Amino acid sequence: MNSKDQYIEQLKLKLDEWNAQIDELDAKARKSQAQAKQELESRLVYLKEKRVEFQAKLAQLQDASADTWETLKTGTEILLDDLKQTLAESKDAFVKGLEEAKSS
């Protein structure tokens, strides 16, 4: 397997992991308090938009020639970092919202 194929497989695994985490946050949002639910739902909308963007980038990478895939890789890395950071922030915000709801 060449480096392009390995990279794409790695991205697919990461996407599967994030899909599971987004679905988990979505399920928790449906069960949470009103204020925490509203904030988490807005974060989920953003995450789902970024996931669609990431899937499109992944498709571009798969179709890219050996000469152009390295160029596409840079844009994919930026999107990957944004998705990872937003997911982590969303998890933290959800936990914080739960803690605040318990203390009030």
N, C-alpha and C. Protein backbone atom coordinates (compact mmCIF):
# COMPACT_ATOMS: atom_id res chain seq x y z
N MET A 1 0.85 -1.17 0.00
CA MET A 1 0.00 0.00 0.00
C MET A 1 0.90 1.24 0.00
N ASN A 2 0.61 2.19 -0.89
CA ASN A 2 1.45 3.38 -0.94
C ASN A 2 1.04 4.37 0.14
N SER A 3 1.81 5.42 0.28
CA SER A 3 1.57 6.38 1.37
C SER A 3 0.22 7.08 1.22
N LYS A 4 -0.22 7.34 0.00
CA LYS A 4 -1.53 7.95 -0.21
C LYS A 4 -2.62 7.03 0.33
N ASP A 5 -2.57 5.78 -0.03
CA ASP A 5 -3.58 4.81 0.42
C ASP A 5 -3.55 4.65 1.94
N GLN A 6 -2.36 4.62 2.50
CA GLN A 6 -2.24 4.51 3.96
C GLN A 6 -2.83 5.73 4.64
N TYR A 7 -2.56 6.89 4.10
CA TYR A 7 -3.08 8.13 4.67
C TYR A 7 -4.60 8.15 4.61
N ILE A 8 -5.16 7.76 3.48
CA ILE A 8 -6.61 7.73 3.32
C ILE A 8 -7.23 6.73 4.30
N GLU A 9 -6.63 5.58 4.46
CA GLU A 9 -7.15 4.59 5.42
C GLU A 9 -7.11 5.14 6.84
N GLN A 10 -6.04 5.84 7.16
CA GLN A 10 -5.90 6.46 8.48
C GLN A 10 -7.00 7.51 8.70
N LEU A 11 -7.29 8.30 7.67
CA LEU A 11 -8.34 9.31 7.76
C LEU A 11 -9.72 8.66 7.91
N LYS A 12 -9.94 7.57 7.20
CA LYS A 12 -11.23 6.87 7.31
C LYS A 12 -11.44 6.35 8.73
N LEU A 13 -10.39 5.81 9.33
CA LEU A 13 -10.50 5.32 10.70
C LEU A 13 -10.80 6.46 11.67
N LYS A 14 -10.14 7.60 11.47
CA LYS A 14 -10.37 8.77 12.30
C LYS A 14 -11.80 9.26 12.12
N LEU A 15 -12.29 9.27 10.89
CA LEU A 15 -13.67 9.69 10.62
C LEU A 15 -14.67 8.76 11.32
N ASP A 16 -14.42 7.47 11.26
CA ASP A 16 -15.29 6.51 11.95
C ASP A 16 -15.32 6.78 13.45
N GLU A 17 -14.16 7.06 14.02
CA GLU A 17 -14.06 7.37 15.44
C GLU A 17 -14.86 8.63 15.77
N TRP A 18 -14.72 9.67 14.95
CA TRP A 18 -15.43 10.91 15.19
C TRP A 18 -16.93 10.74 14.99
N ASN A 19 -17.32 9.94 14.01
CA ASN A 19 -18.74 9.68 13.81
C ASN A 19 -19.36 9.10 15.08
N ALA A 20 -18.66 8.16 15.69
CA ALA A 20 -19.14 7.54 16.92
C ALA A 20 -19.23 8.58 18.05
N GLN A 21 -18.23 9.45 18.15
CA GLN A 21 -18.23 10.47 19.20
C GLN A 21 -19.33 11.51 18.97
N ILE A 22 -19.54 11.89 17.73
CA ILE A 22 -20.60 12.85 17.41
C ILE A 22 -21.96 12.24 17.72
N ASP A 23 -22.15 10.98 17.35
CA ASP A 23 -23.41 10.30 17.65
C ASP A 23 -23.64 10.20 19.15
N GLU A 24 -22.58 9.95 19.90
CA GLU A 24 -22.69 9.87 21.36
C GLU A 24 -23.09 11.23 21.94
N LEU A 25 -22.46 12.30 21.48
CA LEU A 25 -22.82 13.65 21.94
C LEU A 25 -24.26 13.99 21.56
N ASP A 26 -24.66 13.57 20.38
CA ASP A 26 -26.02 13.82 19.92
C ASP A 26 -27.03 13.13 20.84
N ALA A 27 -26.76 11.90 21.20
CA ALA A 27 -27.65 11.16 22.10
C ALA A 27 -27.70 11.83 23.48
N LYS A 28 -26.55 12.27 23.96
CA LYS A 28 -26.51 12.94 25.27
C LYS A 28 -27.24 14.27 25.22
N ALA A 29 -27.14 14.97 24.10
CA ALA A 29 -27.81 16.27 23.97
C ALA A 29 -29.32 16.10 24.10
N ARG A 30 -29.83 15.03 23.54
CA ARG A 30 -31.27 14.80 23.60
C ARG A 30 -31.75 14.55 25.03
N LYS A 31 -30.85 14.11 25.91
CA LYS A 31 -31.22 13.79 27.28
C LYS A 31 -30.87 14.88 28.28
N SER A 32 -30.13 15.90 27.87
CA SER A 32 -29.59 16.87 28.82
C SER A 32 -30.56 18.01 29.12
N GLN A 33 -30.17 18.84 30.07
CA GLN A 33 -30.95 20.00 30.48
C GLN A 33 -31.07 21.00 29.32
N ALA A 34 -32.04 21.87 29.39
CA ALA A 34 -32.36 22.78 28.30
C ALA A 34 -31.18 23.65 27.86
N GLN A 35 -30.50 24.32 28.81
CA GLN A 35 -29.41 25.22 28.43
C GLN A 35 -28.24 24.45 27.85
N ALA A 36 -27.84 23.38 28.52
CA ALA A 36 -26.73 22.57 28.02
C ALA A 36 -27.11 21.94 26.68
N LYS A 37 -28.35 21.56 26.56
CA LYS A 37 -28.82 20.93 25.33
C LYS A 37 -28.73 21.91 24.16
N GLN A 38 -29.14 23.14 24.38
CA GLN A 38 -29.11 24.14 23.32
C GLN A 38 -27.68 24.40 22.84
N GLU A 39 -26.76 24.56 23.78
CA GLU A 39 -25.37 24.82 23.40
C GLU A 39 -24.78 23.61 22.67
N LEU A 40 -25.04 22.43 23.18
CA LEU A 40 -24.49 21.23 22.56
C LEU A 40 -25.08 21.02 21.17
N GLU A 41 -26.35 21.29 21.01
CA GLU A 41 -26.98 21.12 19.70
C GLU A 41 -26.37 22.06 18.67
N SER A 42 -26.05 23.29 19.07
CA SER A 42 -25.42 24.21 18.11
C SER A 42 -24.01 23.74 17.75
N ARG A 43 -23.31 23.19 18.73
CA ARG A 43 -21.98 22.64 18.45
C ARG A 43 -22.09 21.42 17.53
N LEU A 44 -23.12 20.62 17.74
CA LEU A 44 -23.31 19.43 16.91
C LEU A 44 -23.59 19.81 15.45
N VAL A 45 -24.35 20.87 15.24
CA VAL A 45 -24.61 21.33 13.87
C VAL A 45 -23.28 21.67 13.19
N TYR A 46 -22.43 22.39 13.89
CA TYR A 46 -21.12 22.76 13.35
C TYR A 46 -20.28 21.52 13.08
N LEU A 47 -20.26 20.59 14.04
CA LEU A 47 -19.48 19.36 13.87
C LEU A 47 -19.96 18.55 12.66
N LYS A 48 -21.24 18.48 12.51
CA LYS A 48 -21.80 17.71 11.38
C LYS A 48 -21.47 18.38 10.05
N GLU A 49 -21.45 19.72 10.02
CA GLU A 49 -21.05 20.43 8.80
C GLU A 49 -19.58 20.15 8.48
N LYS A 50 -18.74 20.18 9.52
CA LYS A 50 -17.31 19.91 9.32
C LYS A 50 -17.09 18.46 8.89
N ARG A 51 -17.91 17.56 9.41
CA ARG A 51 -17.79 16.15 9.03
C ARG A 51 -18.09 15.99 7.54
N VAL A 52 -19.12 16.67 7.05
CA VAL A 52 -19.46 16.61 5.62
C VAL A 52 -18.31 17.19 4.79
N GLU A 53 -17.75 18.30 5.25
CA GLU A 53 -16.60 18.91 4.57
C GLU A 53 -15.43 17.93 4.52
N PHE A 54 -15.19 17.26 5.65
CA PHE A 54 -14.10 16.30 5.74
C PHE A 54 -14.33 15.12 4.80
N GLN A 55 -15.55 14.64 4.73
CA GLN A 55 -15.86 13.53 3.83
C GLN A 55 -15.62 13.93 2.37
N ALA A 56 -15.94 15.18 2.03
CA ALA A 56 -15.69 15.67 0.67
C ALA A 56 -14.19 15.73 0.38
N LYS A 57 -13.42 16.20 1.37
CA LYS A 57 -11.95 16.25 1.20
C LYS A 57 -11.39 14.85 1.03
N LEU A 58 -11.92 13.93 1.79
CA LEU A 58 -11.47 12.54 1.71
C LEU A 58 -11.75 11.98 0.31
N ALA A 59 -12.91 12.28 -0.23
CA ALA A 59 -13.24 11.84 -1.58
C ALA A 59 -12.29 12.45 -2.61
N GLN A 60 -11.96 13.74 -2.42
CA GLN A 60 -11.00 14.40 -3.32
C GLN A 60 -9.64 13.71 -3.25
N LEU A 61 -9.22 13.36 -2.03
CA LEU A 61 -7.93 12.68 -1.86
C LEU A 61 -7.92 11.33 -2.57
N GLN A 62 -9.02 10.62 -2.45
CA GLN A 62 -9.10 9.30 -3.07
C GLN A 62 -9.01 9.40 -4.59
N ASP A 63 -9.58 10.46 -5.15
CA ASP A 63 -9.58 10.63 -6.60
C ASP A 63 -8.34 11.34 -7.13
N ALA A 64 -7.52 11.87 -6.22
CA ALA A 64 -6.36 12.66 -6.64
C ALA A 64 -5.26 11.79 -7.26
N SER A 65 -4.58 12.39 -8.18
CA SER A 65 -3.44 11.71 -8.80
C SER A 65 -2.27 11.70 -7.82
N ALA A 66 -1.29 10.92 -8.13
CA ALA A 66 -0.10 10.85 -7.29
C ALA A 66 0.59 12.21 -7.19
N ASP A 67 0.47 13.02 -8.22
CA ASP A 67 1.11 14.34 -8.23
C ASP A 67 0.36 15.37 -7.39
N THR A 68 -0.95 15.25 -7.27
CA THR A 68 -1.73 16.30 -6.61
C THR A 68 -2.19 15.97 -5.19
N TRP A 69 -2.09 14.74 -4.78
CA TRP A 69 -2.65 14.39 -3.47
C TRP A 69 -1.90 15.04 -2.32
N GLU A 70 -0.61 15.28 -2.48
CA GLU A 70 0.16 15.95 -1.41
C GLU A 70 -0.35 17.37 -1.18
N THR A 71 -0.74 18.05 -2.26
CA THR A 71 -1.28 19.40 -2.13
C THR A 71 -2.61 19.36 -1.38
N LEU A 72 -3.45 18.41 -1.70
CA LEU A 72 -4.75 18.27 -1.03
C LEU A 72 -4.58 17.87 0.44
N LYS A 73 -3.51 17.18 0.72
CA LYS A 73 -3.26 16.71 2.08
C LYS A 73 -3.16 17.89 3.06
N THR A 74 -2.56 18.98 2.65
CA THR A 74 -2.40 20.14 3.52
C THR A 74 -3.75 20.69 3.96
N GLY A 75 -4.65 20.89 3.01
CA GLY A 75 -5.99 21.37 3.34
C GLY A 75 -6.75 20.40 4.22
N THR A 76 -6.53 19.13 3.99
CA THR A 76 -7.19 18.11 4.79
C THR A 76 -6.69 18.14 6.22
N GLU A 77 -5.40 18.36 6.40
CA GLU A 77 -4.82 18.43 7.74
C GLU A 77 -5.41 19.60 8.54
N ILE A 78 -5.61 20.73 7.89
CA ILE A 78 -6.20 21.90 8.56
C ILE A 78 -7.62 21.57 9.01
N LEU A 79 -8.40 20.97 8.13
CA LEU A 79 -9.77 20.59 8.46
C LEU A 79 -9.79 19.54 9.56
N LEU A 80 -8.86 18.62 9.50
CA LEU A 80 -8.73 17.56 10.51
C LEU A 80 -8.47 18.17 11.88
N ASP A 81 -7.56 19.11 11.97
CA ASP A 81 -7.26 19.78 13.24
C ASP A 81 -8.47 20.53 13.77
N ASP A 82 -9.19 21.22 12.89
CA ASP A 82 -10.37 21.97 13.31
C ASP A 82 -11.45 21.03 13.85
N LEU A 83 -11.67 19.94 13.16
CA LEU A 83 -12.68 18.97 13.59
C LEU A 83 -12.30 18.36 14.94
N LYS A 84 -11.03 18.02 15.09
CA LYS A 84 -10.55 17.43 16.34
C LYS A 84 -10.71 18.40 17.50
N GLN A 85 -10.34 19.65 17.29
CA GLN A 85 -10.43 20.67 18.34
C GLN A 85 -11.89 20.94 18.70
N THR A 86 -12.75 21.07 17.71
CA THR A 86 -14.16 21.35 17.96
C THR A 86 -14.82 20.20 18.70
N LEU A 87 -14.46 18.99 18.36
CA LEU A 87 -15.02 17.82 19.05
C LEU A 87 -14.59 17.81 20.51
N ALA A 88 -13.33 18.08 20.77
CA ALA A 88 -12.83 18.12 22.15
C ALA A 88 -13.51 19.24 22.94
N GLU A 89 -13.65 20.41 22.34
CA GLU A 89 -14.32 21.53 23.00
C GLU A 89 -15.78 21.21 23.28
N SER A 90 -16.42 20.53 22.36
CA SER A 90 -17.83 20.17 22.53
C SER A 90 -18.01 19.19 23.68
N LYS A 91 -17.11 18.23 23.77
CA LYS A 91 -17.17 17.28 24.89
C LYS A 91 -16.97 18.01 26.22
N ASP A 92 -15.99 18.90 26.26
CA ASP A 92 -15.72 19.66 27.48
C ASP A 92 -16.91 20.53 27.86
N ALA A 93 -17.51 21.18 26.88
CA ALA A 93 -18.67 22.05 27.14
C ALA A 93 -19.85 21.22 27.64
N PHE A 94 -20.01 20.03 27.11
CA PHE A 94 -21.11 19.17 27.57
C PHE A 94 -20.91 18.77 29.02
N VAL A 95 -19.69 18.35 29.36
CA VAL A 95 -19.40 17.95 30.74
C VAL A 95 -19.60 19.14 31.68
N LYS A 96 -19.12 20.31 31.28
CA LYS A 96 -19.30 21.53 32.08
C LYS A 96 -20.77 21.84 32.27
N GLY A 97 -21.55 21.72 31.21
CA GLY A 97 -22.98 21.96 31.29
C GLY A 97 -23.68 21.00 32.23
N LEU A 98 -23.26 19.75 32.23
CA LEU A 98 -23.84 18.77 33.16
C LEU A 98 -23.50 19.12 34.61
N GLU A 99 -22.24 19.52 34.82
CA GLU A 99 -21.81 19.87 36.17
C GLU A 99 -22.58 21.10 36.68
N GLU A 100 -22.78 22.08 35.81
CA GLU A 100 -23.52 23.27 36.19
C GLU A 100 -24.98 22.95 36.48
N ALA A 101 -25.54 22.05 35.69
CA ALA A 101 -26.94 21.67 35.91
C ALA A 101 -27.11 20.92 37.24
N LYS A 102 -26.13 20.13 37.62
CA LYS A 102 -26.19 19.39 38.88
C LYS A 102 -26.06 20.32 40.08
N SER A 103 -25.24 21.38 39.92
CA SER A 103 -25.00 22.29 41.05
C SER A 103 -26.10 23.34 41.22
N SER A 104 -26.99 23.45 40.23
CA SER A 104 -28.04 24.47 40.36
C SER A 104 -29.33 23.88 40.85
